[in-house]
Protein backbone atom coordinates (compact mmCIF):
# COMPACT_ATOMS: atom_id res chain seq x y z
CA UNK A 1 39.24 -38.87 2.46
CA UNK A 2 38.65 -40.60 5.81
CA UNK A 3 39.03 -38.98 8.90
CA UNK A 4 42.29 -41.12 9.79
CA UNK A 5 43.75 -40.03 6.63
CA UNK A 6 42.77 -36.29 7.37
CA UNK A 7 44.45 -36.35 10.68
CA UNK A 8 47.69 -37.79 9.09
CA UNK A 9 47.59 -35.06 6.60
CA UNK A 10 47.37 -32.25 8.85
CA UNK A 11 50.65 -33.41 10.13
CA UNK A 12 52.54 -33.34 6.83
CA UNK A 13 54.80 -30.59 6.51
CA UNK A 14 53.30 -28.00 4.15
CA UNK A 15 54.91 -26.51 1.06
CA UNK A 16 57.46 -23.75 1.94
CA UNK A 17 56.32 -20.20 1.26
CA UNK A 18 58.34 -17.01 1.46
CA UNK A 19 57.62 -15.71 5.02
CA UNK A 20 57.92 -11.90 5.50
CA UNK A 21 59.13 -10.30 8.66
CA UNK A 22 56.05 -9.74 11.34
CA UNK A 23 54.85 -6.49 10.59
CA UNK A 24 56.11 -4.13 13.53
CA UNK A 25 53.77 -2.15 15.69
CA UNK A 26 53.94 1.44 14.12
CA UNK A 27 54.29 0.29 10.35
CA UNK A 28 52.05 0.23 7.75
CA UNK A 29 49.73 -3.34 7.51
CA UNK A 30 50.88 -5.38 4.54
CA UNK A 31 48.44 -4.76 1.20
CA UNK A 32 46.81 -7.46 -0.26
CA UNK A 33 43.73 -7.60 -2.16
CA UNK A 34 42.18 -10.79 -0.41
CA UNK A 35 42.33 -8.90 2.90
CA UNK A 36 40.93 -5.28 2.68
CA UNK A 37 39.73 -3.17 5.92
CA UNK A 38 36.99 -0.90 5.98
CA UNK A 39 37.73 2.83 5.78
CA UNK A 40 35.34 3.74 8.95
CA UNK A 41 36.51 1.45 11.43
CA UNK A 42 40.06 -0.11 12.74
CA UNK A 43 40.37 -3.61 12.42
CA UNK A 44 41.14 -6.80 14.70
CA UNK A 45 42.51 -9.72 12.69
CA UNK A 46 43.10 -13.44 13.54
CA UNK A 47 44.94 -15.91 11.88
CA UNK A 48 43.65 -18.98 13.06
CA UNK A 49 45.35 -22.28 13.51
CA UNK A 50 43.62 -25.12 11.52
CA UNK A 51 39.94 -25.69 11.67
CA UNK A 52 39.44 -28.68 14.48
CA UNK A 53 42.30 -27.07 16.79
CA UNK A 54 41.00 -26.35 20.18
CA UNK A 55 42.98 -23.23 20.81
CA UNK A 56 41.66 -21.61 17.06
CA UNK A 57 37.82 -22.49 18.46
CA UNK A 58 38.14 -20.68 21.90
CA UNK A 59 40.26 -17.60 19.82
CA UNK A 60 37.25 -17.66 17.64
CA UNK A 61 34.60 -17.58 19.96
CA UNK A 62 36.33 -15.11 21.95
CA UNK A 63 36.24 -12.85 18.44
CA UNK A 64 32.67 -13.49 17.83
CA UNK A 65 31.64 -12.50 21.31
CA UNK A 66 33.50 -9.23 20.77
CA UNK A 67 32.20 -8.63 17.43
CA UNK A 68 28.60 -8.01 18.82
CA UNK A 69 29.97 -6.11 21.71
CA UNK A 70 32.06 -3.60 19.77
CA UNK A 71 30.40 -2.60 16.71
CA UNK A 72 32.72 0.30 16.14
CA UNK A 73 35.54 -2.44 15.47
CA UNK A 74 35.82 -4.65 12.17
CA UNK A 75 36.75 -8.11 13.34
CA UNK A 76 38.40 -10.69 10.89
CA UNK A 77 39.35 -14.49 11.31
CA UNK A 78 41.65 -15.75 8.60
CA UNK A 79 41.61 -19.50 8.18
CA UNK A 80 43.96 -21.81 6.03
CA UNK A 81 41.55 -24.73 5.80
CA UNK A 82 39.73 -25.27 2.64
CA UNK A 83 36.46 -23.10 2.17
CA UNK A 84 34.40 -25.95 2.75
CA UNK A 85 36.08 -27.28 6.13
CA UNK A 86 36.16 -23.43 7.17
CA UNK A 87 32.44 -22.97 6.60
CA UNK A 88 31.43 -26.32 8.41
CA UNK A 89 33.82 -25.75 11.27
CA UNK A 90 32.35 -22.04 11.72
CA UNK A 91 28.62 -23.47 11.95
CA UNK A 92 29.98 -26.27 14.53
CA UNK A 93 31.40 -23.58 16.64
CA UNK A 94 28.42 -21.53 16.63
CA UNK A 95 28.57 -19.16 13.61
CA UNK A 96 30.35 -16.19 12.63
CA UNK A 97 28.22 -13.74 13.97
CA UNK A 98 29.75 -10.16 13.12
CA UNK A 99 33.24 -11.60 12.06
CA UNK A 100 34.33 -11.67 8.43
CA UNK A 101 35.97 -15.03 7.57
CA UNK A 102 38.58 -14.97 5.00
CA UNK A 103 39.96 -18.22 3.60
CA UNK A 104 43.80 -18.42 2.55
CA UNK A 105 44.00 -21.79 1.65
CA UNK A 106 47.35 -21.14 0.01
CA UNK A 107 48.74 -19.38 3.22
CA UNK A 108 49.72 -16.46 1.29
CA UNK A 109 48.33 -13.89 3.53
CA UNK A 110 49.93 -15.76 6.62
CA UNK A 111 53.15 -15.62 4.98
CA UNK A 112 52.86 -11.78 4.15
CA UNK A 113 52.09 -11.23 7.70
CA UNK A 114 55.09 -13.03 8.98
CA UNK A 115 53.48 -16.51 10.06
CA UNK A 116 55.24 -19.22 8.88
CA UNK A 117 55.78 -23.13 9.59
CA UNK A 118 56.36 -23.92 13.13
CA UNK A 119 58.46 -26.75 14.89
CA UNK A 120 57.65 -30.10 16.85
CA UNK A 121 58.03 -27.84 20.34
CA UNK A 122 55.74 -25.31 19.08
CA UNK A 123 52.57 -27.81 18.65
CA UNK A 124 53.56 -30.70 20.99
CA UNK A 125 55.52 -29.31 24.09
CA UNK A 126 54.29 -30.83 27.14
CA UNK A 127 53.10 -27.46 28.27
CA UNK A 128 50.83 -27.26 25.18
CA UNK A 129 49.54 -30.78 25.66
CA UNK A 130 48.52 -30.37 28.94
CA UNK A 131 46.79 -27.02 28.29
CA UNK A 132 45.03 -28.77 25.81
CA UNK A 133 43.74 -31.32 28.24
CA UNK A 134 42.68 -28.51 30.60
CA UNK A 135 40.78 -26.79 27.98
CA UNK A 136 38.90 -29.84 27.54
CA UNK A 137 38.25 -30.45 31.01
CA UNK A 138 37.59 -26.86 32.28
CA UNK A 139 35.83 -25.55 29.14
CA UNK A 140 34.71 -28.59 27.27
CA UNK A 141 36.35 -27.32 24.18
CA UNK A 142 37.84 -30.54 22.55
CA UNK A 143 39.79 -31.29 19.23
CA UNK A 144 37.62 -31.64 16.30
CA UNK A 145 38.10 -33.65 13.23
CA UNK A 146 40.50 -31.87 10.99
CA UNK A 147 38.61 -31.77 7.47
CA UNK A 148 41.54 -29.65 6.27
CA UNK A 149 44.74 -27.41 7.04
CA UNK A 150 47.99 -27.99 8.89
CA UNK A 151 48.88 -28.45 12.09
CA UNK A 152 52.18 -26.61 11.66
CA UNK A 153 51.10 -23.39 10.60
CA UNK A 154 51.66 -20.59 13.32
CA UNK A 155 48.99 -18.62 14.37
CA UNK A 156 49.02 -14.56 15.27
CA UNK A 157 46.60 -11.66 15.59
CA UNK A 158 46.96 -7.83 14.84
CA UNK A 159 45.32 -4.70 15.38
CA UNK A 160 45.22 -2.01 12.67
CA UNK A 161 43.86 1.53 12.79
CA UNK A 162 42.03 3.50 10.37
CA UNK A 163 45.49 4.79 8.71
CA UNK A 164 46.13 1.24 8.28
CA UNK A 165 48.89 1.25 10.85
CA UNK A 166 49.42 -1.76 12.97
CA UNK A 167 48.80 -0.66 16.56
CA UNK A 168 49.52 -4.22 18.02
CA UNK A 169 51.03 -7.61 17.07
CA UNK A 170 51.10 -11.04 18.53
CA UNK A 171 52.39 -13.92 16.64
CA UNK A 172 51.76 -17.12 18.66
CA UNK A 173 54.76 -18.70 20.56
CA UNK A 174 52.90 -21.86 20.81
CA UNK A 175 50.07 -23.86 19.62
CA UNK A 176 48.33 -22.87 22.82
CA UNK A 177 49.34 -19.30 22.90
CA UNK A 178 45.98 -17.62 22.25
CA UNK A 179 45.75 -13.56 21.57
CA UNK A 180 44.81 -11.13 24.25
CA UNK A 181 42.12 -9.28 22.33
CA UNK A 182 41.34 -6.68 24.91
CA UNK A 183 44.86 -5.73 24.69
CA UNK A 184 44.20 -5.16 20.79
CA UNK A 185 41.16 -3.60 21.57
CA UNK A 186 42.99 -1.10 24.11
CA UNK A 187 45.97 -0.39 21.67
CA UNK A 188 43.16 1.22 19.09
CA UNK A 189 42.23 3.16 21.93
CA UNK A 190 38.66 1.60 22.62
CA UNK A 191 37.15 1.81 25.94
CA UNK A 192 36.47 -1.70 27.62
CA UNK A 193 33.19 -2.61 28.79
CA UNK A 194 32.77 -4.31 31.86
CA UNK A 195 32.20 -8.21 31.20
CA UNK A 196 29.72 -10.41 32.81
CA UNK A 197 30.46 -12.34 36.08
CA UNK A 198 31.93 -15.72 35.06
CA UNK A 199 29.43 -18.79 35.44
CA UNK A 200 29.40 -20.55 38.64
CA UNK A 201 30.86 -24.19 38.19
CA UNK A 202 28.75 -26.63 40.11
CA UNK A 203 30.49 -29.65 39.10
CA UNK A 204 31.44 -31.72 41.98
CA UNK A 205 29.05 -29.96 44.47
CA UNK A 206 25.46 -31.30 43.39
């Protein structure tokens, strides 16, 4: 399939699934054999938008950075792109480090965690489009080719403790709504470590 056809496919409405309510904080996390949690660590799970989305890329990079810093937490990224497209994208964006990558091509897990199909405003609002441009301009994270996946699928993130209880839940309100992973760590009782100072930008000065 050509790149243009792949992009067109990503805008087609996917088959509908029965979507459960978003798990509430304090409730037991949904159980599925395709998404298991370790018994010795709490878990942060991020359900990504399609591979190629710049907001998915920024979120995934943030997740991988945390995975090397907070070894006492298990990190999972769930992709609904195909296994091949997911693997290719993960390599392109810098590797998965200590993040477990789960492919949910049929979007069964997304539906089980309350993440269904969005609408036009969710994906293409003026604010979202503006933030897409700003992300490219300020952080050089651009749209990549969409080899597989769907732009209408909602993203979200959750924190689950050792008892399998949801301690934090953040379904995305829009395509550019990225989760506050520090808040997820805090909800699990993890003490945040100091962050390195931001890079000094020299563009326009040298």
